[in-house]
């Protein structure tokens, strides 16, 4: 494994490694205004949510690595500590890319990138009409991490009004992830699209402690067939199945066929684990565990 030491490795190389590794990152299209009321719009992928009560968001208009200058967004928030965070989906990707260009002070990126200005309810900066989720925020704090090229300026915001396009809402009021088509930022010029087959669910057992990989039988833990993900699925059960359940699930045609046709213990175990792996793909976790318990 190759190692990098910040301060001893060229900044450009460190930036490339970090932006390629910490990915995908959500994108905030941030609207601000300057002291004269001129609108500004700029995208930031150093961004995320950090609390919901109250709603807290942080993004960073970092210092430019090439010349140590700062973006207009940073100065605008110092003058008018209010922002609108507009979330970005695939339909906006080329426009937000254009909005990231180095336009001069006072230039309206809404106009340059072809976005529609929408008056906010509680703050002075405008919302982006084309965004599916728009969050009006007040700036609570700005933390300058350093005054060196590439240093972050952490803008801590509190959301005070949230606007959501009804087309992406489910009947119960939640956001339908299949309808959003959010995009994420990766390293270099790469983005990713959260849509279709790229989305998958991993249910969390929030109410009770999980069984744990360390509690699984040694033959399962040390399997040459199972991956870390496979073991994670099996270790995520609440309790190990009883012998009664195990015997019932072993009343299975494939399981019995493997037992009757393979006399070599090592090969038999491998075949059982391969069958269990197929069951895991079908979310039949308890049965997969049962299949691994040899008689």
C-alpha atoms as a PDB file:
ATOM      1  CA  UNK A   1       0.000   0.000   0.000  1.00  0.00           C
ATOM      2  CA  UNK A   2       1.363   3.403  -1.005  1.00  0.00           C
ATOM      3  CA  UNK A   3       1.360   6.135   1.648  1.00  0.00           C
ATOM      4  CA  UNK A   4       1.178   9.925   1.362  1.00  0.00           C
ATOM      5  CA  UNK A   5       2.189  12.506   3.965  1.00  0.00           C
ATOM      6  CA  UNK A   6       0.513  15.936   3.727  1.00  0.00           C
ATOM      7  CA  UNK A   7       3.136  18.644   3.719  1.00  0.00           C
ATOM      8  CA  UNK A   8       5.715  16.299   2.200  1.00  0.00           C
ATOM      9  CA  UNK A   9       3.710  15.333  -0.893  1.00  0.00           C
ATOM     10  CA  UNK A  10       2.917  17.946  -3.591  1.00  0.00           C
ATOM     11  CA  UNK A  11      -0.421  19.640  -2.835  1.00  0.00           C
ATOM     12  CA  UNK A  12      -1.859  18.825  -6.248  1.00  0.00           C
ATOM     13  CA  UNK A  13      -1.166  15.126  -5.714  1.00  0.00           C
ATOM     14  CA  UNK A  14      -2.689  15.143  -2.210  1.00  0.00           C
ATOM     15  CA  UNK A  15      -5.786  16.955  -3.527  1.00  0.00           C
ATOM     16  CA  UNK A  16      -6.225  14.403  -6.301  1.00  0.00           C
ATOM     17  CA  UNK A  17      -5.896  11.466  -3.912  1.00  0.00           C
ATOM     18  CA  UNK A  18      -8.364  12.881  -1.377  1.00  0.00           C
ATOM     19  CA  UNK A  19     -10.962  13.955  -3.936  1.00  0.00           C
ATOM     20  CA  UNK A  20     -10.760  10.570  -5.611  1.00  0.00           C
ATOM     21  CA  UNK A  21     -10.976   8.680  -2.315  1.00  0.00           C
ATOM     22  CA  UNK A  22     -13.644  10.634  -0.423  1.00  0.00           C
ATOM     23  CA  UNK A  23     -16.342  10.113  -3.016  1.00  0.00           C
ATOM     24  CA  UNK A  24     -19.037  10.338  -4.156  1.00  0.00           C
ATOM     25  CA  UNK A  25     -19.750  13.682  -2.527  1.00  0.00           C
ATOM     26  CA  UNK A  26     -23.147  15.452  -2.644  1.00  0.00           C
ATOM     27  CA  UNK A  27     -23.180  18.818  -4.361  1.00  0.00           C
ATOM     28  CA  UNK A  28     -24.584  22.057  -2.963  1.00  0.00           C
ATOM     29  CA  UNK A  29     -25.381  24.776  -5.472  1.00  0.00           C
ATOM     30  CA  UNK A  30     -25.032  27.729  -3.114  1.00  0.00           C
ATOM     31  CA  UNK A  31     -26.778  31.044  -3.705  1.00  0.00           C
ATOM     32  CA  UNK A  32     -25.507  34.195  -1.951  1.00  0.00           C
ATOM     33  CA  UNK A  33     -25.652  37.952  -2.444  1.00  0.00           C
ATOM     34  CA  UNK A  34     -22.966  40.581  -1.902  1.00  0.00           C
ATOM     35  CA  UNK A  35     -23.226  43.814   0.092  1.00  0.00           C
ATOM     36  CA  UNK A  36     -24.717  45.583  -2.964  1.00  0.00           C
ATOM     37  CA  UNK A  37     -27.383  42.908  -3.490  1.00  0.00           C
ATOM     38  CA  UNK A  38     -25.716  41.230  -6.493  1.00  0.00           C
ATOM     39  CA  UNK A  39     -26.639  37.512  -6.757  1.00  0.00           C
ATOM     40  CA  UNK A  40     -23.940  34.837  -6.864  1.00  0.00           C
ATOM     41  CA  UNK A  41     -24.241  31.118  -7.525  1.00  0.00           C
ATOM     42  CA  UNK A  42     -21.539  28.466  -7.138  1.00  0.00           C
ATOM     43  CA  UNK A  43     -21.417  24.665  -6.663  1.00  0.00           C
ATOM     44  CA  UNK A  44     -19.524  22.990  -3.810  1.00  0.00           C
ATOM     45  CA  UNK A  45     -18.868  19.279  -3.352  1.00  0.00           C
ATOM     46  CA  UNK A  46     -17.176  19.786   0.011  1.00  0.00           C
ATOM     47  CA  UNK A  47     -20.667  19.653   1.521  1.00  0.00           C
ATOM     48  CA  UNK A  48     -22.953  17.590   3.734  1.00  0.00           C
ATOM     49  CA  UNK A  49     -25.659  17.572   6.426  1.00  0.00           C
ATOM     50  CA  UNK A  50     -24.526  17.338  10.056  1.00  0.00           C
ATOM     51  CA  UNK A  51     -27.722  17.458  12.115  1.00  0.00           C
ATOM     52  CA  UNK A  52     -31.490  17.614  11.789  1.00  0.00           C
ATOM     53  CA  UNK A  53     -32.623  19.334  14.992  1.00  0.00           C
ATOM     54  CA  UNK A  54     -31.826  22.016  14.095  1.00  0.00           C
ATOM     55  CA  UNK A  55     -30.949  21.222  10.462  1.00  0.00           C
ATOM     56  CA  UNK A  56     -27.220  21.924  10.114  1.00  0.00           C
ATOM     57  CA  UNK A  57     -25.308  21.981   6.837  1.00  0.00           C
ATOM     58  CA  UNK A  58     -21.626  22.604   6.211  1.00  0.00           C
ATOM     59  CA  UNK A  59     -19.917  23.468   2.951  1.00  0.00           C
ATOM     60  CA  UNK A  60     -16.486  24.830   2.192  1.00  0.00           C
ATOM     61  CA  UNK A  61     -15.578  27.518  -0.333  1.00  0.00           C
ATOM     62  CA  UNK A  62     -11.942  26.493   0.033  1.00  0.00           C
ATOM     63  CA  UNK A  63      -8.955  28.593  -0.861  1.00  0.00           C
ATOM     64  CA  UNK A  64      -7.789  27.917  -4.400  1.00  0.00           C
ATOM     65  CA  UNK A  65      -4.767  25.638  -4.402  1.00  0.00           C
ATOM     66  CA  UNK A  66      -3.165  27.359  -7.385  1.00  0.00           C
ATOM     67  CA  UNK A  67      -3.038  30.941  -6.083  1.00  0.00           C
ATOM     68  CA  UNK A  68      -4.493  30.937  -2.524  1.00  0.00           C
ATOM     69  CA  UNK A  69      -7.418  33.193  -3.481  1.00  0.00           C
ATOM     70  CA  UNK A  70     -10.957  32.703  -2.182  1.00  0.00           C
ATOM     71  CA  UNK A  71     -14.286  32.514  -4.008  1.00  0.00           C
ATOM     72  CA  UNK A  72     -16.862  35.297  -4.075  1.00  0.00           C
ATOM     73  CA  UNK A  73     -19.167  33.061  -2.022  1.00  0.00           C
ATOM     74  CA  UNK A  74     -16.833  33.351   0.965  1.00  0.00           C
ATOM     75  CA  UNK A  75     -16.806  37.162   0.880  1.00  0.00           C
ATOM     76  CA  UNK A  76     -20.548  37.337   0.282  1.00  0.00           C
ATOM     77  CA  UNK A  77     -21.328  35.299   3.385  1.00  0.00           C
ATOM     78  CA  UNK A  78     -19.118  37.568   5.431  1.00  0.00           C
ATOM     79  CA  UNK A  79     -21.137  40.553   4.203  1.00  0.00           C
ATOM     80  CA  UNK A  80     -24.599  38.914   4.208  1.00  0.00           C
ATOM     81  CA  UNK A  81     -24.608  35.740   6.375  1.00  0.00           C
ATOM     82  CA  UNK A  82     -27.431  33.998   4.554  1.00  0.00           C
ATOM     83  CA  UNK A  83     -27.413  31.314   1.838  1.00  0.00           C
ATOM     84  CA  UNK A  84     -29.696  29.046  -0.113  1.00  0.00           C
ATOM     85  CA  UNK A  85     -28.456  25.490  -0.602  1.00  0.00           C
ATOM     86  CA  UNK A  86     -29.918  24.069  -3.800  1.00  0.00           C
ATOM     87  CA  UNK A  87     -29.534  20.315  -4.311  1.00  0.00           C
ATOM     88  CA  UNK A  88     -28.317  19.113  -7.692  1.00  0.00           C
ATOM     89  CA  UNK A  89     -29.606  16.322  -9.930  1.00  0.00           C
ATOM     90  CA  UNK A  90     -28.549  15.021 -13.348  1.00  0.00           C
ATOM     91  CA  UNK A  91     -30.731  17.461 -15.280  1.00  0.00           C
ATOM     92  CA  UNK A  92     -28.580  20.333 -13.955  1.00  0.00           C
ATOM     93  CA  UNK A  93     -25.073  18.879 -14.211  1.00  0.00           C
ATOM     94  CA  UNK A  94     -23.778  20.882 -17.182  1.00  0.00           C
ATOM     95  CA  UNK A  95     -25.319  24.093 -15.886  1.00  0.00           C
ATOM     96  CA  UNK A  96     -23.718  23.739 -12.462  1.00  0.00           C
ATOM     97  CA  UNK A  97     -20.421  22.970 -14.162  1.00  0.00           C
ATOM     98  CA  UNK A  98     -20.769  26.254 -16.040  1.00  0.00           C
ATOM     99  CA  UNK A  99     -21.666  28.096 -12.821  1.00  0.00           C
ATOM    100  CA  UNK A 100     -18.329  26.967 -11.359  1.00  0.00           C
ATOM    101  CA  UNK A 101     -16.396  29.031 -13.924  1.00  0.00           C
ATOM    102  CA  UNK A 102     -14.314  31.967 -12.676  1.00  0.00           C
ATOM    103  CA  UNK A 103     -16.626  34.865 -13.482  1.00  0.00           C
ATOM    104  CA  UNK A 104     -15.765  38.337 -12.253  1.00  0.00           C
ATOM    105  CA  UNK A 105     -17.170  39.976  -9.118  1.00  0.00           C
ATOM    106  CA  UNK A 106     -20.774  41.087  -9.553  1.00  0.00           C
ATOM    107  CA  UNK A 107     -21.436  38.745 -12.490  1.00  0.00           C
ATOM    108  CA  UNK A 108     -24.737  36.900 -12.056  1.00  0.00           C
ATOM    109  CA  UNK A 109     -24.114  33.146 -12.465  1.00  0.00           C
ATOM    110  CA  UNK A 110     -27.877  32.557 -12.557  1.00  0.00           C
ATOM    111  CA  UNK A 111     -27.902  34.305 -15.921  1.00  0.00           C
ATOM    112  CA  UNK A 112     -24.593  32.858 -17.144  1.00  0.00           C
ATOM    113  CA  UNK A 113     -25.672  29.266 -16.365  1.00  0.00           C
ATOM    114  CA  UNK A 114     -29.291  29.731 -17.457  1.00  0.00           C
ATOM    115  CA  UNK A 115     -30.910  29.176 -14.054  1.00  0.00           C
ATOM    116  CA  UNK A 116     -34.111  30.886 -12.899  1.00  0.00           C
ATOM    117  CA  UNK A 117     -33.989  33.136  -9.815  1.00  0.00           C
ATOM    118  CA  UNK A 118     -36.782  32.432  -7.352  1.00  0.00           C
ATOM    119  CA  UNK A 119     -37.399  34.802  -4.435  1.00  0.00           C
ATOM    120  CA  UNK A 120     -36.794  33.184  -1.052  1.00  0.00           C
ATOM    121  CA  UNK A 121     -39.292  33.458   1.805  1.00  0.00           C
ATOM    122  CA  UNK A 122     -36.983  34.130   4.762  1.00  0.00           C
ATOM    123  CA  UNK A 123     -33.528  35.014   3.405  1.00  0.00           C
ATOM    124  CA  UNK A 124     -32.163  37.502   0.873  1.00  0.00           C
ATOM    125  CA  UNK A 125     -30.329  35.154  -1.565  1.00  0.00           C
ATOM    126  CA  UNK A 126     -32.445  33.691  -4.361  1.00  0.00           C
ATOM    127  CA  UNK A 127     -33.437  30.053  -4.769  1.00  0.00           C
ATOM    128  CA  UNK A 128     -32.760  28.072  -7.959  1.00  0.00           C
ATOM    129  CA  UNK A 129     -36.140  27.227  -9.467  1.00  0.00           C
ATOM    130  CA  UNK A 130     -34.734  24.214 -11.330  1.00  0.00           C
ATOM    131  CA  UNK A 131     -33.503  22.540  -8.125  1.00  0.00           C
ATOM    132  CA  UNK A 132     -35.774  19.842  -6.669  1.00  0.00           C
ATOM    133  CA  UNK A 133     -34.836  20.752  -3.076  1.00  0.00           C
ATOM    134  CA  UNK A 134     -33.996  24.291  -1.949  1.00  0.00           C
ATOM    135  CA  UNK A 135     -32.964  25.062   1.639  1.00  0.00           C
ATOM    136  CA  UNK A 136     -32.997  28.606   2.977  1.00  0.00           C
ATOM    137  CA  UNK A 137     -30.274  29.012   5.607  1.00  0.00           C
ATOM    138  CA  UNK A 138     -28.734  31.469   7.994  1.00  0.00           C
ATOM    139  CA  UNK A 139     -24.964  31.254   8.483  1.00  0.00           C
ATOM    140  CA  UNK A 140     -24.144  30.480  12.099  1.00  0.00           C
ATOM    141  CA  UNK A 141     -20.352  30.313  11.891  1.00  0.00           C
ATOM    142  CA  UNK A 142     -17.427  30.369   9.463  1.00  0.00           C
ATOM    143  CA  UNK A 143     -14.294  28.475  10.460  1.00  0.00           C
ATOM    144  CA  UNK A 144     -11.111  29.248   8.519  1.00  0.00           C
ATOM    145  CA  UNK A 145      -8.943  26.150   8.928  1.00  0.00           C
ATOM    146  CA  UNK A 146      -5.775  27.877   7.659  1.00  0.00           C
ATOM    147  CA  UNK A 147      -4.584  30.671   5.362  1.00  0.00           C
ATOM    148  CA  UNK A 148      -2.633  28.375   3.041  1.00  0.00           C
ATOM    149  CA  UNK A 149      -3.485  27.243  -0.522  1.00  0.00           C
ATOM    150  CA  UNK A 150      -6.201  24.583  -0.507  1.00  0.00           C
ATOM    151  CA  UNK A 151      -7.291  25.332   3.077  1.00  0.00           C
ATOM    152  CA  UNK A 152     -10.958  24.975   3.933  1.00  0.00           C
ATOM    153  CA  UNK A 153     -13.402  27.651   5.041  1.00  0.00           C
ATOM    154  CA  UNK A 154     -16.163  25.762   6.841  1.00  0.00           C
ATOM    155  CA  UNK A 155     -19.479  27.541   6.490  1.00  0.00           C
ATOM    156  CA  UNK A 156     -21.877  26.206   9.140  1.00  0.00           C
ATOM    157  CA  UNK A 157     -25.490  26.920   8.189  1.00  0.00           C
ATOM    158  CA  UNK A 158     -28.847  26.354   9.833  1.00  0.00           C
ATOM    159  CA  UNK A 159     -31.754  25.490   7.561  1.00  0.00           C
ATOM    160  CA  UNK A 160     -34.795  27.602   8.404  1.00  0.00           C
ATOM    161  CA  UNK A 161     -37.076  26.706   5.488  1.00  0.00           C
ATOM    162  CA  UNK A 162     -36.991  23.714   3.138  1.00  0.00           C
ATOM    163  CA  UNK A 163     -38.714  23.612  -0.251  1.00  0.00           C
ATOM    164  CA  UNK A 164     -39.248  20.239  -1.972  1.00  0.00           C
ATOM    165  CA  UNK A 165     -40.648  19.665  -5.466  1.00  0.00           C
ATOM    166  CA  UNK A 166     -43.801  17.567  -5.070  1.00  0.00           C
ATOM    167  CA  UNK A 167     -42.854  15.382  -8.048  1.00  0.00           C
ATOM    168  CA  UNK A 168     -40.208  13.583  -5.964  1.00  0.00           C
ATOM    169  CA  UNK A 169     -42.376  13.015  -2.882  1.00  0.00           C
ATOM    170  CA  UNK A 170     -43.894   9.654  -2.003  1.00  0.00           C
ATOM    171  CA  UNK A 171     -47.436   9.335  -0.709  1.00  0.00           C
ATOM    172  CA  UNK A 172     -46.169   9.203   2.878  1.00  0.00           C
ATOM    173  CA  UNK A 173     -44.289  12.456   2.374  1.00  0.00           C
ATOM    174  CA  UNK A 174     -40.766  11.049   2.138  1.00  0.00           C
ATOM    175  CA  UNK A 175     -38.505  11.608  -0.851  1.00  0.00           C
ATOM    176  CA  UNK A 176     -38.588   8.871  -3.496  1.00  0.00           C
ATOM    177  CA  UNK A 177     -34.895   8.182  -4.142  1.00  0.00           C
ATOM    178  CA  UNK A 178     -35.627   6.655  -7.549  1.00  0.00           C
ATOM    179  CA  UNK A 179     -37.124   9.943  -8.752  1.00  0.00           C
ATOM    180  CA  UNK A 180     -34.406  12.363  -7.645  1.00  0.00           C
ATOM    181  CA  UNK A 181     -31.523  11.376  -9.955  1.00  0.00           C
ATOM    182  CA  UNK A 182     -29.057  13.079  -7.576  1.00  0.00           C
ATOM    183  CA  UNK A 183     -25.480  13.302  -8.784  1.00  0.00           C
ATOM    184  CA  UNK A 184     -22.285  13.003  -6.776  1.00  0.00           C
ATOM    185  CA  UNK A 185     -18.807  14.382  -7.345  1.00  0.00           C
ATOM    186  CA  UNK A 186     -15.767  12.148  -7.615  1.00  0.00           C
ATOM    187  CA  UNK A 187     -12.141  12.864  -8.445  1.00  0.00           C
ATOM    188  CA  UNK A 188     -10.857  14.602 -11.590  1.00  0.00           C
ATOM    189  CA  UNK A 189     -13.780  15.331 -13.956  1.00  0.00           C
ATOM    190  CA  UNK A 190     -15.904  12.392 -12.841  1.00  0.00           C
ATOM    191  CA  UNK A 191     -19.456  12.400 -11.474  1.00  0.00           C
ATOM    192  CA  UNK A 192     -21.833   9.598 -10.527  1.00  0.00           C
ATOM    193  CA  UNK A 193     -25.594   9.269 -10.980  1.00  0.00           C
ATOM    194  CA  UNK A 194     -27.738   7.855  -8.147  1.00  0.00           C
ATOM    195  CA  UNK A 195     -30.508   6.239 -10.156  1.00  0.00           C
ATOM    196  CA  UNK A 196     -31.902   2.889 -11.297  1.00  0.00           C
ATOM    197  CA  UNK A 197     -29.712  -0.140 -10.647  1.00  0.00           C
ATOM    198  CA  UNK A 198     -27.108   2.057  -8.929  1.00  0.00           C
ATOM    199  CA  UNK A 199     -29.425   2.263  -5.898  1.00  0.00           C
ATOM    200  CA  UNK A 200     -29.661  -0.573  -3.380  1.00  0.00           C
ATOM    201  CA  UNK A 201     -31.097  -0.912   0.117  1.00  0.00           C
ATOM    202  CA  UNK A 202     -29.318  -2.133   3.255  1.00  0.00           C
ATOM    203  CA  UNK A 203     -31.816  -2.296   6.147  1.00  0.00           C
ATOM    204  CA  UNK A 204     -30.434  -1.333   9.564  1.00  0.00           C
ATOM    205  CA  UNK A 205     -31.438  -3.157  12.776  1.00  0.00           C
ATOM    206  CA  UNK A 206     -31.798  -0.052  14.916  1.00  0.00           C
ATOM    207  CA  UNK A 207     -33.761  -1.438  17.858  1.00  0.00           C
ATOM    208  CA  UNK A 208     -31.594  -4.378  18.948  1.00  0.00           C
ATOM    209  CA  UNK A 209     -27.904  -5.283  18.912  1.00  0.00           C
ATOM    210  CA  UNK A 210     -26.816  -7.510  16.046  1.00  0.00           C
ATOM    211  CA  UNK A 211     -25.342 -10.993  16.512  1.00  0.00           C
ATOM    212  CA  UNK A 212     -21.939 -10.039  15.094  1.00  0.00           C
ATOM    213  CA  UNK A 213     -19.483 -11.769  12.782  1.00  0.00           C
ATOM    214  CA  UNK A 214     -17.360 -12.803  15.749  1.00  0.00           C
ATOM    215  CA  UNK A 215     -20.239 -14.933  17.090  1.00  0.00           C
ATOM    216  CA  UNK A 216     -20.727 -16.932  13.870  1.00  0.00           C
ATOM    217  CA  UNK A 217     -19.429 -20.528  13.767  1.00  0.00           C
ATOM    218  CA  UNK A 218     -15.715 -20.776  12.983  1.00  0.00           C
ATOM    219  CA  UNK A 219     -16.397 -22.717   9.777  1.00  0.00           C
ATOM    220  CA  UNK A 220     -18.371 -19.723   8.465  1.00  0.00           C
ATOM    221  CA  UNK A 221     -15.942 -17.048   9.701  1.00  0.00           C
ATOM    222  CA  UNK A 222     -12.951 -18.808   8.117  1.00  0.00           C
ATOM    223  CA  UNK A 223     -14.679 -19.709   4.858  1.00  0.00           C
ATOM    224  CA  UNK A 224     -12.699 -19.231   1.648  1.00  0.00           C
ATOM    225  CA  UNK A 225     -15.992 -18.573  -0.175  1.00  0.00           C
ATOM    226  CA  UNK A 226     -17.629 -15.795   1.821  1.00  0.00           C
ATOM    227  CA  UNK A 227     -16.621 -12.163   1.394  1.00  0.00           C
ATOM    228  CA  UNK A 228     -16.678  -9.510   4.092  1.00  0.00           C
ATOM    229  CA  UNK A 229     -20.081  -8.416   2.786  1.00  0.00           C
ATOM    230  CA  UNK A 230     -21.401 -11.981   3.057  1.00  0.00           C
ATOM    231  CA  UNK A 231     -20.207 -12.259   6.639  1.00  0.00           C
ATOM    232  CA  UNK A 232     -21.657  -8.822   7.383  1.00  0.00           C
ATOM    233  CA  UNK A 233     -25.074  -9.996   6.220  1.00  0.00           C
ATOM    234  CA  UNK A 234     -24.940 -13.089   8.384  1.00  0.00           C
ATOM    235  CA  UNK A 235     -23.555 -11.234  11.381  1.00  0.00           C
ATOM    236  CA  UNK A 236     -26.359  -8.679  11.115  1.00  0.00           C
ATOM    237  CA  UNK A 237     -29.017 -11.107  12.391  1.00  0.00           C
ATOM    238  CA  UNK A 238     -30.532 -10.470  15.810  1.00  0.00           C
ATOM    239  CA  UNK A 239     -30.166 -14.050  17.083  1.00  0.00           C
ATOM    240  CA  UNK A 240     -28.704 -17.318  15.832  1.00  0.00           C
ATOM    241  CA  UNK A 241     -31.356 -19.728  14.493  1.00  0.00           C
ATOM    242  CA  UNK A 242     -32.441 -22.577  16.768  1.00  0.00           C
ATOM    243  CA  UNK A 243     -31.586 -26.170  15.898  1.00  0.00           C
ATOM    244  CA  UNK A 244     -35.241 -26.725  15.074  1.00  0.00           C
ATOM    245  CA  UNK A 245     -35.152 -23.915  12.508  1.00  0.00           C
ATOM    246  CA  UNK A 246     -31.830 -25.142  11.133  1.00  0.00           C
ATOM    247  CA  UNK A 247     -33.112 -28.696  10.598  1.00  0.00           C
ATOM    248  CA  UNK A 248     -36.282 -27.400   8.983  1.00  0.00           C
ATOM    249  CA  UNK A 249     -34.329 -25.258   6.517  1.00  0.00           C
ATOM    250  CA  UNK A 250     -31.908 -28.064   5.781  1.00  0.00           C
ATOM    251  CA  UNK A 251     -34.834 -30.033   4.435  1.00  0.00           C
ATOM    252  CA  UNK A 252     -33.765 -28.647   1.101  1.00  0.00           C
ATOM    253  CA  UNK A 253     -33.203 -30.491  -2.167  1.00  0.00           C
ATOM    254  CA  UNK A 254     -29.909 -28.787  -3.042  1.00  0.00           C
ATOM    255  CA  UNK A 255     -28.534 -29.202   0.473  1.00  0.00           C
ATOM    256  CA  UNK A 256     -29.401 -32.911   0.523  1.00  0.00           C
ATOM    257  CA  UNK A 257     -27.942 -33.443  -2.951  1.00  0.00           C
ATOM    258  CA  UNK A 258     -24.594 -31.939  -1.881  1.00  0.00           C
ATOM    259  CA  UNK A 259     -24.471 -34.130   1.225  1.00  0.00           C
ATOM    260  CA  UNK A 260     -25.277 -37.304  -0.744  1.00  0.00           C
ATOM    261  CA  UNK A 261     -22.937 -36.740  -3.693  1.00  0.00           C
ATOM    262  CA  UNK A 262     -19.825 -35.151  -2.173  1.00  0.00           C
ATOM    263  CA  UNK A 263     -17.815 -37.276   0.259  1.00  0.00           C
ATOM    264  CA  UNK A 264     -14.767 -35.036   0.462  1.00  0.00           C
ATOM    265  CA  UNK A 265     -15.308 -32.840   3.539  1.00  0.00           C
ATOM    266  CA  UNK A 266     -13.450 -29.790   2.209  1.00  0.00           C
ATOM    267  CA  UNK A 267     -15.168 -29.872  -1.185  1.00  0.00           C
ATOM    268  CA  UNK A 268     -18.547 -30.505   0.458  1.00  0.00           C
ATOM    269  CA  UNK A 269     -18.125 -27.469   2.686  1.00  0.00           C
ATOM    270  CA  UNK A 270     -17.124 -25.334  -0.275  1.00  0.00           C
ATOM    271  CA  UNK A 271     -20.212 -26.413  -2.222  1.00  0.00           C
ATOM    272  CA  UNK A 272     -22.468 -25.730   0.752  1.00  0.00           C
ATOM    273  CA  UNK A 273     -20.966 -22.284   1.163  1.00  0.00           C
ATOM    274  CA  UNK A 274     -21.364 -21.525  -2.526  1.00  0.00           C
ATOM    275  CA  UNK A 275     -25.027 -22.502  -2.253  1.00  0.00           C
ATOM    276  CA  UNK A 276     -25.376 -20.343   0.870  1.00  0.00           C
ATOM    277  CA  UNK A 277     -23.822 -17.446  -1.038  1.00  0.00           C
ATOM    278  CA  UNK A 278     -26.578 -17.753  -3.649  1.00  0.00           C
ATOM    279  CA  UNK A 279     -29.172 -17.688  -0.869  1.00  0.00           C
ATOM    280  CA  UNK A 280     -27.626 -14.498   0.510  1.00  0.00           C
ATOM    281  CA  UNK A 281     -28.132 -12.825  -2.865  1.00  0.00           C
ATOM    282  CA  UNK A 282     -31.848 -13.593  -2.455  1.00  0.00           C
ATOM    283  CA  UNK A 283     -31.855 -12.138   1.098  1.00  0.00           C
ATOM    284  CA  UNK A 284     -32.461 -15.602   2.588  1.00  0.00           C
ATOM    285  CA  UNK A 285     -29.923 -14.967   5.346  1.00  0.00           C
ATOM    286  CA  UNK A 286     -31.192 -17.391   8.008  1.00  0.00           C
ATOM    287  CA  UNK A 287     -31.443 -20.219   5.493  1.00  0.00           C
ATOM    288  CA  UNK A 288     -27.929 -19.451   4.241  1.00  0.00           C
ATOM    289  CA  UNK A 289     -26.614 -19.822   7.788  1.00  0.00           C
ATOM    290  CA  UNK A 290     -28.564 -23.039   8.276  1.00  0.00           C
ATOM    291  CA  UNK A 291     -27.124 -24.525   5.091  1.00  0.00           C
ATOM    292  CA  UNK A 292     -23.614 -23.960   6.476  1.00  0.00           C
ATOM    293  CA  UNK A 293     -24.271 -25.999   9.630  1.00  0.00           C
ATOM    294  CA  UNK A 294     -23.038 -29.450   8.691  1.00  0.00           C
ATOM    295  CA  UNK A 295     -24.579 -32.555  10.195  1.00  0.00           C
END
